[in-house]
Amino acid sequence: MNNSKGKRSMQANMLVPTIIMAVLAIALLAIGYYRGEGQHVAGLKTGFHLTLQVLPLLLFAFVVAGMVQVLLPKALVSSWIGPESGLRGVLIGTVAGGFAPGGPYVSLPLVASLLHSGAGVGTLVAFLTGWSLWAVARLPMEFGILGWKFTLIRLACTFFFPPVAGLLATWLFRGVKLI
């Protein structure tokens, strides 16, 4: 794939969400300003502090995503988790997603990087579904807050969704060009 074409495609994909967030931010700032209670300033300060907290994680997540994209040979990605990897790729995606640490700031750039490296849609759907439903790193907190019975019930009810979602995506979207 032409690298500049891939960059243009990613920039185009980010344009609409960026515009939507900009319009929403401006609208909320205007509402805060017109209320006259300084809420726009308080909101900007809170947003700035949140940016300072999240920025290091974002930077490292993007470095990891970029390095995965350039260091993993496309042939290796294709054979293990590519469109033709079938059930093996879906299961790898499921387990990797379930054990992936962090929130969307980590997982989504990694998935985007794997997508650009040739991973299959089924594998990546299984990864994201496993990440959101299994979330092994979150289990101790879930046990502590919700109790072991509820957590086990939730896991039992969602256990098969990641591989099923991955297989369904593989079947429904075989041959669909995503990038």
N, C-alpha and C. Protein backbone atom coordinates (compact mmCIF):
# COMPACT_ATOMS: atom_id res chain seq x y z
N MET A 1 0.85 -1.17 0.00
CA MET A 1 0.00 0.00 0.00
C MET A 1 0.89 1.24 0.00
N ASN A 2 0.54 2.22 -0.78
CA ASN A 2 1.25 3.48 -0.84
C ASN A 2 1.10 4.17 0.51
N ASN A 3 2.24 4.50 1.14
CA ASN A 3 2.21 5.06 2.49
C ASN A 3 1.51 6.42 2.52
N SER A 4 1.74 7.27 1.52
CA SER A 4 1.08 8.58 1.53
C SER A 4 -0.43 8.43 1.32
N LYS A 5 -0.84 7.43 0.54
CA LYS A 5 -2.27 7.18 0.36
C LYS A 5 -2.90 6.74 1.68
N GLY A 6 -2.21 5.89 2.44
CA GLY A 6 -2.70 5.44 3.74
C GLY A 6 -2.82 6.59 4.73
N LYS A 7 -1.84 7.53 4.71
CA LYS A 7 -1.90 8.69 5.60
C LYS A 7 -3.07 9.59 5.23
N ARG A 8 -3.29 9.82 3.92
CA ARG A 8 -4.41 10.64 3.49
C ARG A 8 -5.73 10.01 3.90
N SER A 9 -5.83 8.69 3.78
CA SER A 9 -7.05 7.99 4.15
C SER A 9 -7.33 8.15 5.64
N MET A 10 -6.28 8.01 6.47
CA MET A 10 -6.46 8.15 7.92
C MET A 10 -6.85 9.58 8.27
N GLN A 11 -6.23 10.57 7.60
CA GLN A 11 -6.57 11.96 7.85
C GLN A 11 -8.02 12.24 7.47
N ALA A 12 -8.47 11.69 6.34
CA ALA A 12 -9.86 11.88 5.91
C ALA A 12 -10.81 11.23 6.90
N ASN A 13 -10.45 10.06 7.43
CA ASN A 13 -11.30 9.38 8.40
C ASN A 13 -11.42 10.16 9.71
N MET A 14 -10.41 10.95 10.05
CA MET A 14 -10.41 11.70 11.30
C MET A 14 -11.04 13.08 11.15
N LEU A 15 -11.26 13.54 9.91
CA LEU A 15 -11.77 14.90 9.69
C LEU A 15 -13.18 15.09 10.25
N VAL A 16 -14.10 14.21 9.94
CA VAL A 16 -15.49 14.37 10.38
C VAL A 16 -15.59 14.31 11.91
N PRO A 17 -15.01 13.31 12.59
CA PRO A 17 -15.10 13.33 14.05
C PRO A 17 -14.45 14.57 14.67
N THR A 18 -13.37 15.05 14.06
CA THR A 18 -12.70 16.24 14.57
C THR A 18 -13.61 17.46 14.44
N ILE A 19 -14.26 17.59 13.29
CA ILE A 19 -15.19 18.71 13.09
C ILE A 19 -16.35 18.63 14.08
N ILE A 20 -16.90 17.43 14.27
CA ILE A 20 -18.02 17.26 15.21
C ILE A 20 -17.59 17.64 16.62
N MET A 21 -16.41 17.18 17.06
CA MET A 21 -15.93 17.52 18.40
C MET A 21 -15.66 19.01 18.53
N ALA A 22 -15.13 19.64 17.47
CA ALA A 22 -14.86 21.08 17.51
C ALA A 22 -16.16 21.86 17.65
N VAL A 23 -17.17 21.51 16.87
CA VAL A 23 -18.46 22.19 16.96
C VAL A 23 -19.07 22.00 18.34
N LEU A 24 -19.02 20.78 18.86
CA LEU A 24 -19.56 20.50 20.19
C LEU A 24 -18.81 21.30 21.26
N ALA A 25 -17.47 21.34 21.17
CA ALA A 25 -16.68 22.09 22.15
C ALA A 25 -17.01 23.58 22.10
N ILE A 26 -17.09 24.13 20.88
CA ILE A 26 -17.40 25.55 20.75
C ILE A 26 -18.80 25.85 21.28
N ALA A 27 -19.75 24.98 20.98
CA ALA A 27 -21.12 25.18 21.47
C ALA A 27 -21.16 25.15 23.01
N LEU A 28 -20.48 24.19 23.60
CA LEU A 28 -20.47 24.10 25.07
C LEU A 28 -19.74 25.27 25.71
N LEU A 29 -18.64 25.71 25.07
CA LEU A 29 -17.95 26.90 25.58
C LEU A 29 -18.86 28.13 25.53
N ALA A 30 -19.59 28.25 24.44
CA ALA A 30 -20.51 29.39 24.30
C ALA A 30 -21.60 29.34 25.36
N ILE A 31 -22.15 28.16 25.60
CA ILE A 31 -23.18 28.02 26.64
C ILE A 31 -22.61 28.40 27.99
N GLY A 32 -21.41 27.91 28.30
CA GLY A 32 -20.76 28.24 29.58
C GLY A 32 -20.48 29.73 29.69
N TYR A 33 -20.06 30.35 28.60
CA TYR A 33 -19.77 31.78 28.61
C TYR A 33 -21.04 32.60 28.84
N TYR A 34 -22.09 32.25 28.12
CA TYR A 34 -23.33 33.03 28.21
C TYR A 34 -24.06 32.84 29.54
N ARG A 35 -23.75 31.80 30.25
CA ARG A 35 -24.35 31.66 31.59
C ARG A 35 -23.77 32.69 32.54
N GLY A 36 -22.58 33.17 32.21
CA GLY A 36 -21.99 34.26 32.98
C GLY A 36 -21.45 33.89 34.34
N GLU A 37 -21.25 32.64 34.61
CA GLU A 37 -20.77 32.21 35.93
C GLU A 37 -19.33 31.68 35.86
N GLY A 38 -18.66 31.95 34.75
CA GLY A 38 -17.27 31.50 34.60
C GLY A 38 -17.13 30.02 34.32
N GLN A 39 -18.22 29.38 33.93
CA GLN A 39 -18.16 27.94 33.68
C GLN A 39 -17.27 27.61 32.49
N HIS A 40 -17.18 28.50 31.52
CA HIS A 40 -16.32 28.25 30.36
C HIS A 40 -14.86 28.18 30.79
N VAL A 41 -14.46 29.04 31.74
CA VAL A 41 -13.08 29.02 32.24
C VAL A 41 -12.84 27.75 33.06
N ALA A 42 -13.78 27.41 33.91
CA ALA A 42 -13.64 26.18 34.72
C ALA A 42 -13.57 24.96 33.82
N GLY A 43 -14.39 24.93 32.76
CA GLY A 43 -14.36 23.81 31.82
C GLY A 43 -13.04 23.72 31.08
N LEU A 44 -12.50 24.86 30.66
CA LEU A 44 -11.20 24.87 29.98
C LEU A 44 -10.09 24.39 30.91
N LYS A 45 -10.12 24.83 32.16
CA LYS A 45 -9.11 24.39 33.13
C LYS A 45 -9.19 22.89 33.36
N THR A 46 -10.41 22.39 33.53
CA THR A 46 -10.59 20.95 33.73
C THR A 46 -10.10 20.17 32.52
N GLY A 47 -10.43 20.65 31.33
CA GLY A 47 -9.97 20.00 30.10
C GLY A 47 -8.46 20.01 29.98
N PHE A 48 -7.83 21.12 30.37
CA PHE A 48 -6.37 21.22 30.32
C PHE A 48 -5.72 20.22 31.27
N HIS A 49 -6.25 20.13 32.50
CA HIS A 49 -5.70 19.18 33.48
C HIS A 49 -5.89 17.73 33.01
N LEU A 50 -7.03 17.45 32.42
CA LEU A 50 -7.26 16.11 31.88
C LEU A 50 -6.28 15.81 30.75
N THR A 51 -6.03 16.80 29.91
CA THR A 51 -5.05 16.63 28.82
C THR A 51 -3.68 16.30 29.39
N LEU A 52 -3.26 17.00 30.43
CA LEU A 52 -1.96 16.74 31.05
C LEU A 52 -1.88 15.33 31.62
N GLN A 53 -3.00 14.83 32.15
CA GLN A 53 -3.02 13.48 32.72
C GLN A 53 -2.97 12.41 31.64
N VAL A 54 -3.69 12.63 30.55
CA VAL A 54 -3.85 11.60 29.52
C VAL A 54 -2.76 11.66 28.45
N LEU A 55 -2.16 12.82 28.24
CA LEU A 55 -1.21 13.01 27.16
C LEU A 55 -0.04 12.01 27.17
N PRO A 56 0.60 11.75 28.31
CA PRO A 56 1.69 10.76 28.28
C PRO A 56 1.21 9.38 27.80
N LEU A 57 0.04 8.95 28.29
CA LEU A 57 -0.50 7.66 27.85
C LEU A 57 -0.77 7.67 26.35
N LEU A 58 -1.35 8.74 25.86
CA LEU A 58 -1.63 8.85 24.43
C LEU A 58 -0.34 8.79 23.61
N LEU A 59 0.66 9.54 24.03
CA LEU A 59 1.92 9.55 23.29
C LEU A 59 2.54 8.15 23.23
N PHE A 60 2.60 7.47 24.36
CA PHE A 60 3.18 6.13 24.36
C PHE A 60 2.34 5.14 23.58
N ALA A 61 1.01 5.27 23.66
CA ALA A 61 0.14 4.37 22.89
C ALA A 61 0.36 4.56 21.40
N PHE A 62 0.52 5.80 20.96
CA PHE A 62 0.75 6.05 19.54
C PHE A 62 2.13 5.58 19.11
N VAL A 63 3.13 5.69 19.99
CA VAL A 63 4.46 5.16 19.68
C VAL A 63 4.38 3.64 19.52
N VAL A 64 3.70 2.97 20.45
CA VAL A 64 3.54 1.51 20.35
C VAL A 64 2.82 1.15 19.06
N ALA A 65 1.73 1.84 18.76
CA ALA A 65 0.96 1.55 17.54
C ALA A 65 1.82 1.76 16.30
N GLY A 66 2.58 2.83 16.27
CA GLY A 66 3.44 3.09 15.12
C GLY A 66 4.54 2.05 14.99
N MET A 67 5.13 1.66 16.10
CA MET A 67 6.21 0.67 16.05
C MET A 67 5.68 -0.71 15.65
N VAL A 68 4.49 -1.05 16.13
CA VAL A 68 3.88 -2.32 15.71
C VAL A 68 3.70 -2.32 14.20
N GLN A 69 3.25 -1.20 13.67
CA GLN A 69 2.98 -1.12 12.24
C GLN A 69 4.25 -1.25 11.41
N VAL A 70 5.36 -0.70 11.88
CA VAL A 70 6.58 -0.76 11.07
C VAL A 70 7.47 -1.95 11.41
N LEU A 71 7.36 -2.51 12.61
CA LEU A 71 8.24 -3.61 12.99
C LEU A 71 7.70 -4.99 12.66
N LEU A 72 6.38 -5.16 12.71
CA LEU A 72 5.83 -6.47 12.42
C LEU A 72 5.78 -6.69 10.90
N PRO A 73 6.45 -7.72 10.42
CA PRO A 73 6.40 -7.98 8.98
C PRO A 73 4.97 -8.29 8.53
N LYS A 74 4.57 -7.69 7.41
CA LYS A 74 3.20 -7.89 6.90
C LYS A 74 2.91 -9.37 6.67
N ALA A 75 3.90 -10.14 6.25
CA ALA A 75 3.69 -11.57 6.02
C ALA A 75 3.34 -12.28 7.33
N LEU A 76 4.00 -11.89 8.41
CA LEU A 76 3.71 -12.49 9.72
C LEU A 76 2.30 -12.11 10.18
N VAL A 77 1.96 -10.83 10.07
CA VAL A 77 0.63 -10.37 10.45
C VAL A 77 -0.42 -11.09 9.63
N SER A 78 -0.19 -11.16 8.33
CA SER A 78 -1.17 -11.79 7.44
C SER A 78 -1.36 -13.27 7.76
N SER A 79 -0.28 -13.98 8.04
CA SER A 79 -0.42 -15.42 8.29
C SER A 79 -1.07 -15.71 9.64
N TRP A 80 -0.80 -14.90 10.65
CA TRP A 80 -1.32 -15.19 11.98
C TRP A 80 -2.69 -14.55 12.25
N ILE A 81 -2.87 -13.31 11.80
CA ILE A 81 -4.13 -12.63 12.11
C ILE A 81 -4.73 -11.92 10.89
N GLY A 82 -4.29 -12.29 9.72
CA GLY A 82 -4.80 -11.68 8.50
C GLY A 82 -6.18 -12.19 8.12
N PRO A 83 -6.72 -11.69 7.01
CA PRO A 83 -8.06 -12.08 6.58
C PRO A 83 -8.23 -13.59 6.36
N GLU A 84 -7.17 -14.26 6.01
CA GLU A 84 -7.25 -15.70 5.75
C GLU A 84 -6.88 -16.56 6.96
N SER A 85 -6.64 -15.95 8.11
CA SER A 85 -6.22 -16.71 9.29
C SER A 85 -7.37 -17.48 9.92
N GLY A 86 -8.61 -17.12 9.57
CA GLY A 86 -9.78 -17.87 10.03
C GLY A 86 -9.97 -17.87 11.52
N LEU A 87 -10.37 -19.03 12.03
CA LEU A 87 -10.68 -19.18 13.45
C LEU A 87 -9.45 -18.89 14.31
N ARG A 88 -8.26 -19.31 13.86
CA ARG A 88 -7.04 -19.06 14.63
C ARG A 88 -6.86 -17.56 14.86
N GLY A 89 -7.01 -16.75 13.81
CA GLY A 89 -6.87 -15.30 13.94
C GLY A 89 -7.90 -14.70 14.86
N VAL A 90 -9.14 -15.18 14.75
CA VAL A 90 -10.22 -14.68 15.62
C VAL A 90 -9.93 -15.03 17.08
N LEU A 91 -9.46 -16.22 17.34
CA LEU A 91 -9.15 -16.61 18.73
C LEU A 91 -7.96 -15.83 19.27
N ILE A 92 -6.95 -15.60 18.44
CA ILE A 92 -5.82 -14.77 18.87
C ILE A 92 -6.31 -13.36 19.19
N GLY A 93 -7.14 -12.80 18.33
CA GLY A 93 -7.70 -11.47 18.59
C GLY A 93 -8.52 -11.42 19.86
N THR A 94 -9.32 -12.46 20.08
CA THR A 94 -10.16 -12.53 21.28
C THR A 94 -9.32 -12.52 22.54
N VAL A 95 -8.34 -13.40 22.61
CA VAL A 95 -7.50 -13.52 23.81
C VAL A 95 -6.64 -12.27 24.00
N ALA A 96 -6.05 -11.78 22.91
CA ALA A 96 -5.23 -10.57 23.02
C ALA A 96 -6.07 -9.39 23.49
N GLY A 97 -7.27 -9.26 22.96
CA GLY A 97 -8.16 -8.17 23.40
C GLY A 97 -8.55 -8.31 24.85
N GLY A 98 -8.84 -9.52 25.29
CA GLY A 98 -9.22 -9.74 26.68
C GLY A 98 -8.11 -9.39 27.65
N PHE A 99 -6.86 -9.58 27.24
CA PHE A 99 -5.73 -9.29 28.11
C PHE A 99 -5.09 -7.93 27.85
N ALA A 100 -5.58 -7.19 26.86
CA ALA A 100 -5.00 -5.89 26.53
C ALA A 100 -5.22 -4.92 27.69
N PRO A 101 -4.15 -4.25 28.11
CA PRO A 101 -4.30 -3.29 29.21
C PRO A 101 -4.80 -1.95 28.69
N GLY A 102 -5.31 -1.16 29.59
CA GLY A 102 -5.63 0.21 29.27
C GLY A 102 -6.99 0.40 28.64
N GLY A 103 -7.29 1.65 28.42
CA GLY A 103 -8.58 2.03 27.85
C GLY A 103 -8.49 2.20 26.35
N PRO A 104 -9.43 2.94 25.80
CA PRO A 104 -9.48 3.13 24.35
C PRO A 104 -8.26 3.86 23.80
N TYR A 105 -7.59 4.66 24.64
CA TYR A 105 -6.41 5.38 24.19
C TYR A 105 -5.28 4.44 23.83
N VAL A 106 -5.31 3.25 24.38
CA VAL A 106 -4.29 2.25 24.08
C VAL A 106 -4.79 1.29 22.99
N SER A 107 -5.97 0.77 23.17
CA SER A 107 -6.47 -0.29 22.28
C SER A 107 -6.80 0.20 20.87
N LEU A 108 -7.43 1.34 20.75
CA LEU A 108 -7.85 1.80 19.42
C LEU A 108 -6.67 2.14 18.51
N PRO A 109 -5.63 2.84 19.00
CA PRO A 109 -4.47 3.05 18.12
C PRO A 109 -3.79 1.73 17.74
N LEU A 110 -3.76 0.78 18.67
CA LEU A 110 -3.17 -0.52 18.36
C LEU A 110 -3.96 -1.24 17.28
N VAL A 111 -5.28 -1.21 17.38
CA VAL A 111 -6.13 -1.84 16.36
C VAL A 111 -5.95 -1.15 15.01
N ALA A 112 -5.88 0.17 15.03
CA ALA A 112 -5.65 0.90 13.78
C ALA A 112 -4.33 0.51 13.15
N SER A 113 -3.32 0.37 13.97
CA SER A 113 -2.00 -0.03 13.47
C SER A 113 -2.04 -1.44 12.89
N LEU A 114 -2.69 -2.36 13.58
CA LEU A 114 -2.81 -3.73 13.08
C LEU A 114 -3.63 -3.78 11.79
N LEU A 115 -4.65 -2.95 11.71
CA LEU A 115 -5.46 -2.86 10.49
C LEU A 115 -4.59 -2.45 9.31
N HIS A 116 -3.74 -1.45 9.52
CA HIS A 116 -2.86 -0.98 8.46
C HIS A 116 -1.73 -1.98 8.17
N SER A 117 -1.48 -2.88 9.11
CA SER A 117 -0.45 -3.90 8.90
C SER A 117 -0.98 -5.16 8.24
N GLY A 118 -2.28 -5.21 7.98
CA GLY A 118 -2.84 -6.35 7.27
C GLY A 118 -3.66 -7.32 8.09
N ALA A 119 -3.99 -6.98 9.33
CA ALA A 119 -4.83 -7.86 10.15
C ALA A 119 -6.24 -7.92 9.56
N GLY A 120 -6.90 -9.03 9.78
CA GLY A 120 -8.24 -9.22 9.26
C GLY A 120 -9.31 -8.54 10.10
N VAL A 121 -10.40 -8.21 9.46
CA VAL A 121 -11.50 -7.53 10.14
C VAL A 121 -12.06 -8.40 11.28
N GLY A 122 -12.17 -9.70 11.07
CA GLY A 122 -12.68 -10.59 12.12
C GLY A 122 -11.80 -10.61 13.34
N THR A 123 -10.49 -10.63 13.12
CA THR A 123 -9.54 -10.62 14.23
C THR A 123 -9.67 -9.34 15.03
N LEU A 124 -9.79 -8.22 14.33
CA LEU A 124 -9.85 -6.93 15.02
C LEU A 124 -11.19 -6.71 15.72
N VAL A 125 -12.27 -7.20 15.13
CA VAL A 125 -13.57 -7.14 15.81
C VAL A 125 -13.52 -8.01 17.07
N ALA A 126 -12.92 -9.19 16.97
CA ALA A 126 -12.78 -10.06 18.14
C ALA A 126 -11.90 -9.41 19.20
N PHE A 127 -10.84 -8.73 18.77
CA PHE A 127 -9.95 -8.05 19.71
C PHE A 127 -10.73 -6.99 20.49
N LEU A 128 -11.42 -6.10 19.77
CA LEU A 128 -12.15 -5.02 20.45
C LEU A 128 -13.30 -5.54 21.30
N THR A 129 -13.95 -6.59 20.84
CA THR A 129 -15.04 -7.17 21.62
C THR A 129 -14.50 -7.86 22.87
N GLY A 130 -13.39 -8.58 22.73
CA GLY A 130 -12.74 -9.19 23.89
C GLY A 130 -12.24 -8.15 24.88
N TRP A 131 -11.68 -7.06 24.33
CA TRP A 131 -11.18 -5.98 25.17
C TRP A 131 -12.31 -5.36 25.99
N SER A 132 -13.46 -5.16 25.35
CA SER A 132 -14.55 -4.50 26.07
C SER A 132 -15.34 -5.44 26.97
N LEU A 133 -15.47 -6.71 26.60
CA LEU A 133 -16.30 -7.62 27.39
C LEU A 133 -15.50 -8.43 28.42
N TRP A 134 -14.31 -8.87 28.07
CA TRP A 134 -13.55 -9.70 29.00
C TRP A 134 -12.74 -8.85 29.97
N ALA A 135 -11.94 -7.93 29.45
CA ALA A 135 -11.15 -6.99 30.25
C ALA A 135 -10.58 -7.63 31.51
N VAL A 136 -9.67 -8.56 31.33
CA VAL A 136 -9.09 -9.32 32.44
C VAL A 136 -8.47 -8.39 33.48
N ALA A 137 -7.84 -7.30 33.04
CA ALA A 137 -7.21 -6.37 33.98
C ALA A 137 -8.24 -5.69 34.88
N ARG A 138 -9.48 -5.63 34.45
CA ARG A 138 -10.54 -4.98 35.22
C ARG A 138 -11.21 -5.95 36.20
N LEU A 139 -10.98 -7.23 36.05
CA LEU A 139 -11.68 -8.22 36.87
C LEU A 139 -11.49 -8.06 38.38
N PRO A 140 -10.27 -7.79 38.88
CA PRO A 140 -10.15 -7.61 40.34
C PRO A 140 -11.05 -6.50 40.88
N MET A 141 -11.12 -5.39 40.14
CA MET A 141 -11.98 -4.29 40.59
C MET A 141 -13.45 -4.69 40.51
N GLU A 142 -13.80 -5.40 39.46
CA GLU A 142 -15.19 -5.85 39.30
C GLU A 142 -15.57 -6.82 40.42
N PHE A 143 -14.68 -7.77 40.74
CA PHE A 143 -14.93 -8.68 41.85
C PHE A 143 -15.14 -7.89 43.14
N GLY A 144 -14.26 -6.91 43.38
CA GLY A 144 -14.32 -6.14 44.62
C GLY A 144 -15.57 -5.29 44.74
N ILE A 145 -16.01 -4.70 43.64
CA ILE A 145 -17.15 -3.79 43.71
C ILE A 145 -18.48 -4.51 43.54
N LEU A 146 -18.54 -5.43 42.57
CA LEU A 146 -19.81 -6.07 42.24
C LEU A 146 -19.96 -7.47 42.83
N GLY A 147 -18.89 -8.02 43.35
CA GLY A 147 -18.93 -9.37 43.93
C GLY A 147 -18.62 -10.45 42.90
N TRP A 148 -18.15 -11.57 43.40
CA TRP A 148 -17.71 -12.63 42.50
C TRP A 148 -18.86 -13.30 41.77
N LYS A 149 -20.05 -13.40 42.40
CA LYS A 149 -21.19 -14.05 41.74
C LYS A 149 -21.62 -13.26 40.51
N PHE A 150 -21.81 -11.94 40.69
CA PHE A 150 -22.25 -11.13 39.56
C PHE A 150 -21.20 -11.14 38.45
N THR A 151 -19.93 -11.02 38.83
CA THR A 151 -18.85 -11.00 37.83
C THR A 151 -18.81 -12.30 37.05
N LEU A 152 -18.96 -13.42 37.72
CA LEU A 152 -18.95 -14.71 37.03
C LEU A 152 -20.18 -14.86 36.12
N ILE A 153 -21.31 -14.37 36.56
CA ILE A 153 -22.51 -14.40 35.72
C ILE A 153 -22.29 -13.56 34.46
N ARG A 154 -21.73 -12.35 34.63
CA ARG A 154 -21.46 -11.49 33.48
C ARG A 154 -20.49 -12.15 32.53
N LEU A 155 -19.43 -12.74 33.07
CA LEU A 155 -18.45 -13.42 32.21
C LEU A 155 -19.07 -14.61 31.49
N ALA A 156 -19.89 -15.38 32.19
CA ALA A 156 -20.53 -16.54 31.56
C ALA A 156 -21.46 -16.10 30.43
N CYS A 157 -22.14 -14.98 30.63
CA CYS A 157 -23.09 -14.50 29.62
C CYS A 157 -22.41 -13.84 28.42
N THR A 158 -21.19 -13.37 28.60
CA THR A 158 -20.50 -12.67 27.50
C THR A 158 -19.32 -13.44 26.93
N PHE A 159 -19.02 -14.60 27.49
CA PHE A 159 -17.81 -15.33 27.14
C PHE A 159 -17.68 -15.61 25.64
N PHE A 160 -18.74 -16.00 24.99
CA PHE A 160 -18.65 -16.41 23.58
C PHE A 160 -18.82 -15.27 22.59
N PHE A 161 -19.18 -14.09 23.07
CA PHE A 161 -19.42 -12.99 22.14
C PHE A 161 -18.19 -12.57 21.33
N PRO A 162 -17.00 -12.42 21.93
CA PRO A 162 -15.86 -11.99 21.12
C PRO A 162 -15.56 -12.91 19.93
N PRO A 163 -15.42 -14.22 20.13
CA PRO A 163 -15.16 -15.04 18.95
C PRO A 163 -16.33 -15.09 17.97
N VAL A 164 -17.56 -15.07 18.48
CA VAL A 164 -18.72 -15.07 17.59
C VAL A 164 -18.75 -13.78 16.77
N ALA A 165 -18.49 -12.65 17.42
CA ALA A 165 -18.46 -11.37 16.70
C ALA A 165 -17.36 -11.38 15.65
N GLY A 166 -16.19 -11.92 16.00
CA GLY A 166 -15.09 -11.99 15.03
C GLY A 166 -15.42 -12.88 13.85
N LEU A 167 -15.99 -14.04 14.11
CA LEU A 167 -16.38 -14.94 13.01
C LEU A 167 -17.47 -14.33 12.15
N LEU A 168 -18.42 -13.67 12.78
CA LEU A 168 -19.50 -13.01 12.05
C LEU A 168 -18.93 -11.90 11.15
N ALA A 169 -18.02 -11.10 11.69
CA ALA A 169 -17.39 -10.04 10.90
C ALA A 169 -16.60 -10.63 9.73
N THR A 170 -15.90 -11.74 9.97
CA THR A 170 -15.14 -12.40 8.91
C THR A 170 -16.09 -12.85 7.80
N TRP A 171 -17.19 -13.44 8.19
CA TRP A 171 -18.14 -13.99 7.22
C TRP A 171 -18.87 -12.88 6.46
N LEU A 172 -19.36 -11.88 7.20
CA LEU A 172 -20.17 -10.83 6.57
C LEU A 172 -19.35 -9.85 5.73
N PHE A 173 -18.10 -9.62 6.13
CA PHE A 173 -17.32 -8.57 5.49
C PHE A 173 -16.07 -9.10 4.80
N ARG A 174 -16.11 -10.36 4.39
CA ARG A 174 -14.99 -10.95 3.65
C ARG A 174 -14.82 -10.17 2.35
N GLY A 175 -13.60 -9.74 2.12
CA GLY A 175 -13.30 -9.05 0.88
C GLY A 175 -13.58 -7.56 0.89
N VAL A 176 -14.13 -7.04 1.99
CA VAL A 176 -14.40 -5.60 2.08
C VAL A 176 -13.08 -4.88 2.35
N LYS A 177 -12.76 -3.89 1.55
CA LYS A 177 -11.54 -3.10 1.70
C LYS A 177 -11.76 -2.04 2.77
N LEU A 178 -11.04 -2.12 3.87
CA LEU A 178 -11.24 -1.19 4.97
C LEU A 178 -10.30 0.00 4.92
N ILE A 179 -9.16 -0.17 4.31
CA ILE A 179 -8.20 0.95 4.21
C ILE A 179 -7.74 1.11 2.79
